[in-house]
PDB file of all heavy atoms in Angstrom:
ATOM      1  N   CYS A   1     101.375 104.170 105.669  1.00  0.00           N
ATOM      2  CA  CYS A   1     100.217 105.012 105.424  1.00  0.00           C
ATOM      3  C   CYS A   1     100.172 105.378 103.943  1.00  0.00           C
ATOM      4  O   CYS A   1     101.201 105.763 103.372  1.00  0.00           O
ATOM      5  CB  CYS A   1     100.303 106.284 106.273  1.00  0.00           C
ATOM      6  SG  CYS A   1      98.910 107.402 106.022  1.00  0.00           S
ATOM      7  N   PRO A   2      99.011 105.280 103.292  1.00  0.00           N
ATOM      8  CA  PRO A   2      98.939 105.622 101.880  1.00  0.00           C
ATOM      9  C   PRO A   2      99.148 107.114 101.604  1.00  0.00           C
ATOM     10  O   PRO A   2      99.431 107.502 100.476  1.00  0.00           O
ATOM     11  CB  PRO A   2      97.527 105.189 101.463  1.00  0.00           C
ATOM     12  CG  PRO A   2      96.766 104.984 102.703  1.00  0.00           C
ATOM     13  CD  PRO A   2      97.754 104.738 103.803  1.00  0.00           C
ATOM     14  N   HIS A   3      99.066 107.954 102.623  1.00  0.00           N
ATOM     15  CA  HIS A   3      99.257 109.391 102.434  1.00  0.00           C
ATOM     16  C   HIS A   3     100.727 109.770 102.241  1.00  0.00           C
ATOM     17  O   HIS A   3     101.095 110.374 101.249  1.00  0.00           O
ATOM     18  CB  HIS A   3      98.677 110.163 103.625  1.00  0.00           C
ATOM     19  CG  HIS A   3      99.045 111.601 103.666  1.00  0.00           C
ATOM     20  ND1 HIS A   3      99.744 112.150 104.703  1.00  0.00           N
ATOM     21  CD2 HIS A   3      98.826 112.599 102.793  1.00  0.00           C
ATOM     22  CE1 HIS A   3      99.932 113.439 104.474  1.00  0.00           C
ATOM     23  NE2 HIS A   3      99.383 113.739 103.319  1.00  0.00           N
ATOM     24  N   ALA A   4     101.571 109.403 103.186  1.00  0.00           N
ATOM     25  CA  ALA A   4     102.960 109.845 103.128  1.00  0.00           C
ATOM     26  C   ALA A   4     103.969 108.698 103.145  1.00  0.00           C
ATOM     27  O   ALA A   4     105.170 108.936 103.114  1.00  0.00           O
ATOM     28  CB  ALA A   4     103.254 110.782 104.303  1.00  0.00           C
ATOM     29  N   GLY A   5     103.480 107.471 103.217  1.00  0.00           N
ATOM     30  CA  GLY A   5     104.385 106.329 103.229  1.00  0.00           C
ATOM     31  C   GLY A   5     105.031 106.059 104.571  1.00  0.00           C
ATOM     32  O   GLY A   5     105.905 105.197 104.674  1.00  0.00           O
ATOM     33  N   THR A   6     104.626 106.770 105.590  1.00  0.00           N
ATOM     34  CA  THR A   6     105.217 106.594 106.918  1.00  0.00           C
ATOM     35  C   THR A   6     104.541 105.428 107.634  1.00  0.00           C
ATOM     36  O   THR A   6     103.413 105.067 107.328  1.00  0.00           O
ATOM     37  CB  THR A   6     105.035 107.872 107.769  1.00  0.00           C
ATOM     38  OG1 THR A   6     103.631 108.176 107.846  1.00  0.00           O
ATOM     39  CG2 THR A   6     105.777 109.040 107.164  1.00  0.00           C
ATOM     40  N   PRO A   7     105.232 104.849 108.622  1.00  0.00           N
ATOM     41  CA  PRO A   7     104.595 103.797 109.427  1.00  0.00           C
ATOM     42  C   PRO A   7     103.426 104.391 110.216  1.00  0.00           C
ATOM     43  O   PRO A   7     103.441 105.569 110.565  1.00  0.00           O
ATOM     44  CB  PRO A   7     105.699 103.337 110.383  1.00  0.00           C
ATOM     45  CG  PRO A   7     106.962 103.939 109.889  1.00  0.00           C
ATOM     46  CD  PRO A   7     106.609 105.093 109.025  1.00  0.00           C
ATOM     47  N   LEU A   8     102.413 103.576 110.492  1.00  0.00           N
ATOM     48  CA  LEU A   8     101.290 104.058 111.274  1.00  0.00           C
ATOM     49  C   LEU A   8     101.694 104.362 112.710  1.00  0.00           C
ATOM     50  O   LEU A   8     101.254 105.332 113.293  1.00  0.00           O
ATOM     51  CB  LEU A   8     100.132 103.053 111.263  1.00  0.00           C
ATOM     52  CG  LEU A   8      99.134 103.245 110.120  1.00  0.00           C
ATOM     53  CD1 LEU A   8      99.756 102.998 108.781  1.00  0.00           C
ATOM     54  CD2 LEU A   8      97.909 102.412 110.345  1.00  0.00           C
ATOM     55  N   ASN A   9     102.536 103.520 113.281  1.00  0.00           N
ATOM     56  CA  ASN A   9     102.989 103.724 114.653  1.00  0.00           C
ATOM     57  C   ASN A   9     104.260 104.561 114.642  1.00  0.00           C
ATOM     58  O   ASN A   9     105.067 104.455 113.732  1.00  0.00           O
ATOM     59  CB  ASN A   9     103.234 102.390 115.350  1.00  0.00           C
ATOM     60  CG  ASN A   9     104.292 101.556 114.643  1.00  0.00           C
ATOM     61  OD1 ASN A   9     104.395 101.558 113.410  1.00  0.00           O
ATOM     62  ND2 ASN A   9     105.085 100.829 115.399  1.00  0.00           N
ATOM     63  N   LEU A  10     104.431 105.390 115.666  1.00  0.00           N
ATOM     64  CA  LEU A  10     105.645 106.179 115.743  1.00  0.00           C
ATOM     65  C   LEU A  10     106.656 105.593 116.704  1.00  0.00           C
ATOM     66  O   LEU A  10     107.837 105.503 116.416  1.00  0.00           O
ATOM     67  CB  LEU A  10     105.329 107.623 116.156  1.00  0.00           C
ATOM     68  CG  LEU A  10     104.702 108.504 115.094  1.00  0.00           C
ATOM     69  CD1 LEU A  10     104.433 109.889 115.657  1.00  0.00           C
ATOM     70  CD2 LEU A  10     105.579 108.605 113.880  1.00  0.00           C
ATOM     71  N   PHE A  11     106.196 105.196 117.897  1.00  0.00           N
ATOM     72  CA  PHE A  11     107.141 104.830 118.952  1.00  0.00           C
ATOM     73  C   PHE A  11     106.954 103.440 119.512  1.00  0.00           C
ATOM     74  O   PHE A  11     107.784 102.957 120.239  1.00  0.00           O
ATOM     75  CB  PHE A  11     107.035 105.832 120.109  1.00  0.00           C
ATOM     76  CG  PHE A  11     107.257 107.248 119.676  1.00  0.00           C
ATOM     77  CD1 PHE A  11     106.216 108.151 119.689  1.00  0.00           C
ATOM     78  CD2 PHE A  11     108.488 107.672 119.209  1.00  0.00           C
ATOM     79  CE1 PHE A  11     106.407 109.456 119.284  1.00  0.00           C
ATOM     80  CE2 PHE A  11     108.683 108.966 118.802  1.00  0.00           C
ATOM     81  CZ  PHE A  11     107.647 109.857 118.827  1.00  0.00           C
ATOM     82  N   ASN A  12     105.850 102.809 119.244  1.00  0.00           N
ATOM     83  CA  ASN A  12     105.604 101.491 119.845  1.00  0.00           C
ATOM     84  C   ASN A  12     104.685 100.683 118.947  1.00  0.00           C
ATOM     85  O   ASN A  12     104.493 101.029 117.790  1.00  0.00           O
ATOM     86  CB  ASN A  12     105.007 101.658 121.254  1.00  0.00           C
ATOM     87  CG  ASN A  12     103.743 102.496 121.246  1.00  0.00           C
ATOM     88  OD1 ASN A  12     102.944 102.422 120.320  1.00  0.00           O
ATOM     89  ND2 ASN A  12     103.544 103.294 122.263  1.00  0.00           N
ATOM     90  N   ASP A  13     104.120  99.640 119.460  1.00  0.00           N
ATOM     91  CA  ASP A  13     103.285  98.751 118.677  1.00  0.00           C
ATOM     92  C   ASP A  13     101.800  99.071 118.783  1.00  0.00           C
ATOM     93  O   ASP A  13     100.967  98.209 118.565  1.00  0.00           O
ATOM     94  CB  ASP A  13     103.521  97.293 119.110  1.00  0.00           C
ATOM     95  CG  ASP A  13     104.844  96.757 118.620  1.00  0.00           C
ATOM     96  OD1 ASP A  13     105.388  97.287 117.652  1.00  0.00           O
ATOM     97  OD2 ASP A  13     105.325  95.767 119.208  1.00  0.00           O
ATOM     98  N   ARG A  14     101.452 100.290 119.107  1.00  0.00           N
ATOM     99  CA  ARG A  14     100.044 100.665 119.196  1.00  0.00           C
ATOM    100  C   ARG A  14      99.577 101.213 117.855  1.00  0.00           C
ATOM    101  O   ARG A  14     100.123 102.181 117.359  1.00  0.00           O
ATOM    102  CB  ARG A  14      99.806 101.679 120.303  1.00  0.00           C
ATOM    103  CG  ARG A  14     100.048 101.061 121.660  1.00  0.00           C
ATOM    104  CD  ARG A  14      99.640 102.019 122.769  1.00  0.00           C
ATOM    105  NE  ARG A  14      99.943 101.418 124.048  1.00  0.00           N
ATOM    106  CZ  ARG A  14      99.074 100.698 124.756  1.00  0.00           C
ATOM    107  NH1 ARG A  14      97.866 100.507 124.298  1.00  0.00           N
ATOM    108  NH2 ARG A  14      99.423 100.183 125.895  1.00  0.00           N
ATOM    109  N   PHE A  15      98.525 100.578 117.320  1.00  0.00           N
ATOM    110  CA  PHE A  15      97.995 100.964 116.021  1.00  0.00           C
ATOM    111  C   PHE A  15      96.546 101.432 116.099  1.00  0.00           C
ATOM    112  O   PHE A  15      96.056 102.060 115.168  1.00  0.00           O
ATOM    113  CB  PHE A  15      98.101  99.786 115.044  1.00  0.00           C
ATOM    114  CG  PHE A  15      99.505  99.411 114.753  1.00  0.00           C
ATOM    115  CD1 PHE A  15     100.151  98.444 115.502  1.00  0.00           C
ATOM    116  CD2 PHE A  15     100.224 100.048 113.754  1.00  0.00           C
ATOM    117  CE1 PHE A  15     101.475  98.117 115.265  1.00  0.00           C
ATOM    118  CE2 PHE A  15     101.537  99.725 113.487  1.00  0.00           C
ATOM    119  CZ  PHE A  15     102.165  98.748 114.252  1.00  0.00           C
ATOM    120  N   MET A  16      95.857 101.147 117.199  1.00  0.00           N
ATOM    121  CA  MET A  16      94.444 101.516 117.345  1.00  0.00           C
ATOM    122  C   MET A  16      94.332 102.881 118.021  1.00  0.00           C
ATOM    123  O   MET A  16      95.204 103.297 118.768  1.00  0.00           O
ATOM    124  CB  MET A  16      93.698 100.468 118.180  1.00  0.00           C
ATOM    125  CG  MET A  16      93.707  99.058 117.594  1.00  0.00           C
ATOM    126  SD  MET A  16      92.904  98.909 115.989  1.00  0.00           S
ATOM    127  CE  MET A  16      91.186  99.187 116.411  1.00  0.00           C
ATOM    128  N   ASP A  17      93.192 103.556 117.769  1.00  0.00           N
ATOM    129  CA  ASP A  17      92.926 104.805 118.458  1.00  0.00           C
ATOM    130  C   ASP A  17      92.582 104.519 119.923  1.00  0.00           C
ATOM    131  O   ASP A  17      92.517 103.350 120.330  1.00  0.00           O
ATOM    132  CB  ASP A  17      91.845 105.623 117.750  1.00  0.00           C
ATOM    133  CG  ASP A  17      90.479 104.943 117.735  1.00  0.00           C
ATOM    134  OD1 ASP A  17      90.297 103.861 118.338  1.00  0.00           O
ATOM    135  OD2 ASP A  17      89.566 105.507 117.094  1.00  0.00           O
ATOM    136  N   LEU A  18      92.359 105.554 120.700  1.00  0.00           N
ATOM    137  CA  LEU A  18      92.108 105.378 122.137  1.00  0.00           C
ATOM    138  C   LEU A  18      90.842 104.580 122.434  1.00  0.00           C
ATOM    139  O   LEU A  18      90.740 103.937 123.473  1.00  0.00           O
ATOM    140  CB  LEU A  18      92.043 106.739 122.836  1.00  0.00           C
ATOM    141  CG  LEU A  18      93.365 107.503 122.866  1.00  0.00           C
ATOM    142  CD1 LEU A  18      93.164 108.891 123.483  1.00  0.00           C
ATOM    143  CD2 LEU A  18      94.431 106.730 123.613  1.00  0.00           C
ATOM    144  N   ASP A  19      89.867 104.625 121.517  1.00  0.00           N
ATOM    145  CA  ASP A  19      88.612 103.883 121.715  1.00  0.00           C
ATOM    146  C   ASP A  19      88.683 102.461 121.179  1.00  0.00           C
ATOM    147  O   ASP A  19      87.697 101.740 121.242  1.00  0.00           O
ATOM    148  CB  ASP A  19      87.462 104.614 121.018  1.00  0.00           C
ATOM    149  CG  ASP A  19      87.208 105.984 121.600  1.00  0.00           C
ATOM    150  OD1 ASP A  19      87.441 106.173 122.813  1.00  0.00           O
ATOM    151  OD2 ASP A  19      86.769 106.868 120.840  1.00  0.00           O
ATOM    152  N   ASN A  20      89.817 102.061 120.610  1.00  0.00           N
ATOM    153  CA  ASN A  20      89.966 100.738 119.971  1.00  0.00           C
ATOM    154  C   ASN A  20      88.924 100.522 118.882  1.00  0.00           C
ATOM    155  O   ASN A  20      88.389  99.423 118.722  1.00  0.00           O
ATOM    156  CB  ASN A  20      89.892  99.600 120.993  1.00  0.00           C
ATOM    157  CG  ASN A  20      91.244  99.329 121.610  1.00  0.00           C
ATOM    158  OD1 ASN A  20      92.273  99.728 121.085  1.00  0.00           O
ATOM    159  ND2 ASN A  20      91.235  98.632 122.719  1.00  0.00           N
ATOM    160  N   THR A  21      88.650 101.582 118.124  1.00  0.00           N
ATOM    161  CA  THR A  21      87.669 101.511 117.044  1.00  0.00           C
ATOM    162  C   THR A  21      88.359 101.538 115.679  1.00  0.00           C
ATOM    163  O   THR A  21      87.990 100.780 114.790  1.00  0.00           O
ATOM    164  CB  THR A  21      86.682 102.688 117.138  1.00  0.00           C
ATOM    165  OG1 THR A  21      86.074 102.669 118.431  1.00  0.00           O
ATOM    166  CG2 THR A  21      85.603 102.598 116.078  1.00  0.00           C
ATOM    167  N   TYR A  22      89.335 102.424 115.516  1.00  0.00           N
ATOM    168  CA  TYR A  22      89.983 102.621 114.226  1.00  0.00           C
ATOM    169  C   TYR A  22      91.495 102.451 114.335  1.00  0.00           C
ATOM    170  O   TYR A  22      92.088 102.759 115.375  1.00  0.00           O
ATOM    171  CB  TYR A  22      89.710 104.033 113.684  1.00  0.00           C
ATOM    172  CG  TYR A  22      88.257 104.285 113.416  1.00  0.00           C
ATOM    173  CD1 TYR A  22      87.492 105.056 114.282  1.00  0.00           C
ATOM    174  CD2 TYR A  22      87.629 103.744 112.291  1.00  0.00           C
ATOM    175  CE1 TYR A  22      86.154 105.279 114.042  1.00  0.00           C
ATOM    176  CE2 TYR A  22      86.288 103.973 112.049  1.00  0.00           C
ATOM    177  CZ  TYR A  22      85.556 104.732 112.921  1.00  0.00           C
ATOM    178  OH  TYR A  22      84.227 104.947 112.684  1.00  0.00           O
ATOM    179  N   LEU A  23      92.093 102.004 113.235  1.00  0.00           N
ATOM    180  CA  LEU A  23      93.550 102.058 113.114  1.00  0.00           C
ATOM    181  C   LEU A  23      93.896 103.515 112.901  1.00  0.00           C
ATOM    182  O   LEU A  23      93.175 104.240 112.201  1.00  0.00           O
ATOM    183  CB  LEU A  23      94.006 101.211 111.923  1.00  0.00           C
ATOM    184  CG  LEU A  23      93.753  99.710 112.061  1.00  0.00           C
ATOM    185  CD1 LEU A  23      93.877  99.028 110.705  1.00  0.00           C
ATOM    186  CD2 LEU A  23      94.712  99.108 113.060  1.00  0.00           C
ATOM    187  N   LEU A  24      94.982 103.969 113.493  1.00  0.00           N
ATOM    188  CA  LEU A  24      95.318 105.386 113.471  1.00  0.00           C
ATOM    189  C   LEU A  24      96.748 105.598 113.001  1.00  0.00           C
ATOM    190  O   LEU A  24      97.675 104.953 113.497  1.00  0.00           O
ATOM    191  CB  LEU A  24      95.155 105.967 114.886  1.00  0.00           C
ATOM    192  CG  LEU A  24      95.466 107.428 115.083  1.00  0.00           C
ATOM    193  CD1 LEU A  24      94.443 108.308 114.346  1.00  0.00           C
ATOM    194  CD2 LEU A  24      95.461 107.765 116.576  1.00  0.00           C
ATOM    195  N   CYS A  25      96.928 106.493 112.027  1.00  0.00           N
ATOM    196  CA  CYS A  25      98.271 106.890 111.622  1.00  0.00           C
ATOM    197  C   CYS A  25      98.706 108.008 112.537  1.00  0.00           C
ATOM    198  O   CYS A  25      98.077 109.070 112.594  1.00  0.00           O
ATOM    199  CB  CYS A  25      98.284 107.346 110.167  1.00  0.00           C
ATOM    200  SG  CYS A  25      99.922 107.910 109.641  1.00  0.00           S
ATOM    201  N   ARG A  26      99.790 107.792 113.247  1.00  0.00           N
ATOM    202  CA  ARG A  26     100.271 108.767 114.222  1.00  0.00           C
ATOM    203  C   ARG A  26     100.925 109.990 113.563  1.00  0.00           C
ATOM    204  O   ARG A  26     101.123 111.000 114.207  1.00  0.00           O
ATOM    205  CB  ARG A  26     101.264 108.126 115.190  1.00  0.00           C
ATOM    206  CG  ARG A  26     100.728 106.928 115.977  1.00  0.00           C
ATOM    207  CD  ARG A  26      99.628 107.333 116.939  1.00  0.00           C
ATOM    208  NE  ARG A  26      99.353 106.362 117.969  1.00  0.00           N
ATOM    209  CZ  ARG A  26      98.473 105.376 117.882  1.00  0.00           C
ATOM    210  NH1 ARG A  26      97.821 105.175 116.780  1.00  0.00           N
ATOM    211  NH2 ARG A  26      98.255 104.584 118.903  1.00  0.00           N
ATOM    212  N   THR A  27     101.244 109.929 112.288  1.00  0.00           N
ATOM    213  CA  THR A  27     101.896 111.059 111.622  1.00  0.00           C
ATOM    214  C   THR A  27     100.921 112.205 111.354  1.00  0.00           C
ATOM    215  O   THR A  27     101.172 113.336 111.718  1.00  0.00           O
ATOM    216  CB  THR A  27     102.551 110.612 110.300  1.00  0.00           C
ATOM    217  OG1 THR A  27     103.471 109.545 110.575  1.00  0.00           O
ATOM    218  CG2 THR A  27     103.313 111.749 109.654  1.00  0.00           C
ATOM    219  N   HIS A  28      99.789 111.914 110.710  1.00  0.00           N
ATOM    220  CA  HIS A  28      98.836 112.958 110.352  1.00  0.00           C
ATOM    221  C   HIS A  28      97.421 112.695 110.849  1.00  0.00           C
ATOM    222  O   HIS A  28      96.482 113.386 110.445  1.00  0.00           O
ATOM    223  CB  HIS A  28      98.825 113.181 108.836  1.00  0.00           C
ATOM    224  CG  HIS A  28     100.112 113.721 108.317  1.00  0.00           C
ATOM    225  ND1 HIS A  28     100.948 112.955 107.537  1.00  0.00           N
ATOM    226  CD2 HIS A  28     100.729 114.899 108.488  1.00  0.00           C
ATOM    227  CE1 HIS A  28     102.020 113.668 107.235  1.00  0.00           C
ATOM    228  NE2 HIS A  28     101.921 114.840 107.810  1.00  0.00           N
ATOM    229  N   GLY A  29      97.234 111.669 111.673  1.00  0.00           N
ATOM    230  CA  GLY A  29      95.939 111.430 112.295  1.00  0.00           C
ATOM    231  C   GLY A  29      94.899 110.732 111.430  1.00  0.00           C
ATOM    232  O   GLY A  29      93.718 110.724 111.780  1.00  0.00           O
ATOM    233  N   ALA A  30      95.301 110.139 110.328  1.00  0.00           N
ATOM    234  CA  ALA A  30      94.339 109.433 109.486  1.00  0.00           C
ATOM    235  C   ALA A  30      93.755 108.253 110.251  1.00  0.00           C
ATOM    236  O   ALA A  30      94.466 107.571 110.993  1.00  0.00           O
ATOM    237  CB  ALA A  30      95.004 108.952 108.204  1.00  0.00           C
ATOM    238  N   LYS A  31      92.456 108.014 110.066  1.00  0.00           N
ATOM    239  CA  LYS A  31      91.768 106.893 110.704  1.00  0.00           C
ATOM    240  C   LYS A  31      91.345 105.902 109.630  1.00  0.00           C
ATOM    241  O   LYS A  31      90.802 106.289 108.586  1.00  0.00           O
ATOM    242  CB  LYS A  31      90.535 107.369 111.467  1.00  0.00           C
ATOM    243  CG  LYS A  31      90.863 108.127 112.715  1.00  0.00           C
ATOM    244  CD  LYS A  31      89.592 108.464 113.472  1.00  0.00           C
ATOM    245  CE  LYS A  31      89.918 109.176 114.764  1.00  0.00           C
ATOM    246  NZ  LYS A  31      88.702 109.440 115.542  1.00  0.00           N
ATOM    247  N   PHE A  32      91.564 104.614 109.931  1.00  0.00           N
ATOM    248  CA  PHE A  32      91.269 103.536 109.002  1.00  0.00           C
ATOM    249  C   PHE A  32      90.325 102.533 109.643  1.00  0.00           C
ATOM    250  O   PHE A  32      90.497 102.194 110.821  1.00  0.00           O
ATOM    251  CB  PHE A  32      92.555 102.798 108.597  1.00  0.00           C
ATOM    252  CG  PHE A  32      93.581 103.698 107.940  1.00  0.00           C
ATOM    253  CD1 PHE A  32      94.503 104.390 108.706  1.00  0.00           C
ATOM    254  CD2 PHE A  32      93.603 103.838 106.573  1.00  0.00           C
ATOM    255  CE1 PHE A  32      95.435 105.215 108.119  1.00  0.00           C
ATOM    256  CE2 PHE A  32      94.543 104.662 105.958  1.00  0.00           C
ATOM    257  CZ  PHE A  32      95.461 105.348 106.737  1.00  0.00           C
ATOM    258  N   GLU A  33      89.358 102.046 108.866  1.00  0.00           N
ATOM    259  CA  GLU A  33      88.495 100.986 109.355  1.00  0.00           C
ATOM    260  C   GLU A  33      89.353  99.760 109.616  1.00  0.00           C
ATOM    261  O   GLU A  33      90.217  99.410 108.812  1.00  0.00           O
ATOM    262  CB  GLU A  33      87.392 100.679 108.334  1.00  0.00           C
ATOM    263  CG  GLU A  33      86.427 101.822 108.189  1.00  0.00           C
ATOM    264  CD  GLU A  33      85.360 101.563 107.137  1.00  0.00           C
ATOM    265  OE1 GLU A  33      85.544 100.685 106.268  1.00  0.00           O
ATOM    266  OE2 GLU A  33      84.327 102.264 107.194  1.00  0.00           O
ATOM    267  N   TYR A  34      89.099  99.123 110.741  1.00  0.00           N
ATOM    268  CA  TYR A  34      89.933  97.994 111.164  1.00  0.00           C
ATOM    269  C   TYR A  34      89.865  96.827 110.195  1.00  0.00           C
ATOM    270  O   TYR A  34      90.875  96.244 109.826  1.00  0.00           O
ATOM    271  CB  TYR A  34      89.519  97.546 112.568  1.00  0.00           C
ATOM    272  CG  TYR A  34      90.168  96.265 113.002  1.00  0.00           C
ATOM    273  CD1 TYR A  34      91.509  96.262 113.379  1.00  0.00           C
ATOM    274  CD2 TYR A  34      89.472  95.068 112.992  1.00  0.00           C
ATOM    275  CE1 TYR A  34      92.129  95.082 113.744  1.00  0.00           C
ATOM    276  CE2 TYR A  34      90.088  93.900 113.369  1.00  0.00           C
ATOM    277  CZ  TYR A  34      91.417  93.908 113.741  1.00  0.00           C
ATOM    278  OH  TYR A  34      92.034  92.748 114.105  1.00  0.00           O
ATOM    279  N   LYS A  35      88.688  96.466 109.769  1.00  0.00           N
ATOM    280  CA  LYS A  35      88.485  95.236 109.021  1.00  0.00           C
ATOM    281  C   LYS A  35      88.971  95.308 107.572  1.00  0.00           C
ATOM    282  O   LYS A  35      89.487  94.341 107.038  1.00  0.00           O
ATOM    283  CB  LYS A  35      87.000  94.848 109.061  1.00  0.00           C
ATOM    284  CG  LYS A  35      86.734  93.444 108.608  1.00  0.00           C
ATOM    285  CD  LYS A  35      87.319  92.445 109.565  1.00  0.00           C
ATOM    286  CE  LYS A  35      87.092  91.046 109.048  1.00  0.00           C
ATOM    287  NZ  LYS A  35      88.070  90.096 109.491  1.00  0.00           N
ATOM    288  N   ASN A  36      88.820  96.469 106.923  1.00  0.00           N
ATOM    289  CA  ASN A  36      89.206  96.539 105.507  1.00  0.00           C
ATOM    290  C   ASN A  36      90.326  97.536 105.219  1.00  0.00           C
ATOM    291  O   ASN A  36      90.809  97.608 104.091  1.00  0.00           O
ATOM    292  CB  ASN A  36      87.990  96.827 104.634  1.00  0.00           C
ATOM    293  CG  ASN A  36      87.379  98.190 104.906  1.00  0.00           C
ATOM    294  OD1 ASN A  36      87.960  99.032 105.562  1.00  0.00           O
ATOM    295  ND2 ASN A  36      86.172  98.408 104.411  1.00  0.00           N
ATOM    296  N   GLY A  37      90.731  98.336 106.196  1.00  0.00           N
ATOM    297  CA  GLY A  37      91.834  99.266 106.017  1.00  0.00           C
ATOM    298  C   GLY A  37      91.480 100.537 105.275  1.00  0.00           C
ATOM    299  O   GLY A  37      92.364 101.302 104.883  1.00  0.00           O
ATOM    300  N   LYS A  38      90.204 100.827 105.082  1.00  0.00           N
ATOM    301  CA  LYS A  38      89.803 102.029 104.354  1.00  0.00           C
ATOM    302  C   LYS A  38      89.939 103.268 105.238  1.00  0.00           C
ATOM    303  O   LYS A  38      89.471 103.283 106.373  1.00  0.00           O
ATOM    304  CB  LYS A  38      88.361 101.910 103.869  1.00  0.00           C
ATOM    305  CG  LYS A  38      87.923 103.099 103.038  1.00  0.00           C
ATOM    306  CD  LYS A  38      86.520 102.932 102.516  1.00  0.00           C
ATOM    307  CE  LYS A  38      86.132 104.110 101.643  1.00  0.00           C
ATOM    308  NZ  LYS A  38      84.773 103.957 101.123  1.00  0.00           N
ATOM    309  N   CYS A  39      90.569 104.307 104.679  1.00  0.00           N
ATOM    310  CA  CYS A  39      90.713 105.568 105.408  1.00  0.00           C
ATOM    311  C   CYS A  39      89.383 106.302 105.385  1.00  0.00           C
ATOM    312  O   CYS A  39      88.825 106.575 104.319  1.00  0.00           O
ATOM    313  CB  CYS A  39      91.810 106.418 104.786  1.00  0.00           C
ATOM    314  SG  CYS A  39      92.080 107.970 105.678  1.00  0.00           S
ATOM    315  N   ILE A  40      88.878 106.617 106.576  1.00  0.00           N
ATOM    316  CA  ILE A  40      87.591 107.305 106.682  1.00  0.00           C
ATOM    317  C   ILE A  40      87.756 108.747 107.161  1.00  0.00           C
ATOM    318  O   ILE A  40      86.796 109.512 107.133  1.00  0.00           O
ATOM    319  CB  ILE A  40      86.603 106.524 107.582  1.00  0.00           C
ATOM    320  CG1 ILE A  40      87.200 106.212 108.957  1.00  0.00           C
ATOM    321  CG2 ILE A  40      86.204 105.222 106.916  1.00  0.00           C
ATOM    322  CD1 ILE A  40      86.708 107.099 110.027  1.00  0.00           C
ATOM    323  N   ALA A  41      88.958 109.129 107.575  1.00  0.00           N
ATOM    324  CA  ALA A  41      89.220 110.502 108.011  1.00  0.00           C
ATOM    325  C   ALA A  41      90.710 110.788 107.899  1.00  0.00           C
ATOM    326  O   ALA A  41      91.527 109.931 108.215  1.00  0.00           O
ATOM    327  CB  ALA A  41      88.752 110.710 109.452  1.00  0.00           C
ATOM    328  N   GLY A  42      91.034 111.981 107.426  1.00  0.00           N
ATOM    329  CA  GLY A  42      92.436 112.365 107.301  1.00  0.00           C
ATOM    330  C   GLY A  42      92.837 112.631 105.861  1.00  0.00           C
ATOM    331  O   GLY A  42      91.998 112.587 104.957  1.00  0.00           O
TER     332      GLY A  42
END
């Protein structure tokens, strides 16, 4: 994650949010556009 340097996943290989729309950082909840990796929230 560009915010804290932590991995996006905490416990497993799940990187998408529950809606399978955005990549999600499990540490602070940042959301990233899937196709380009841009953080749009967090």
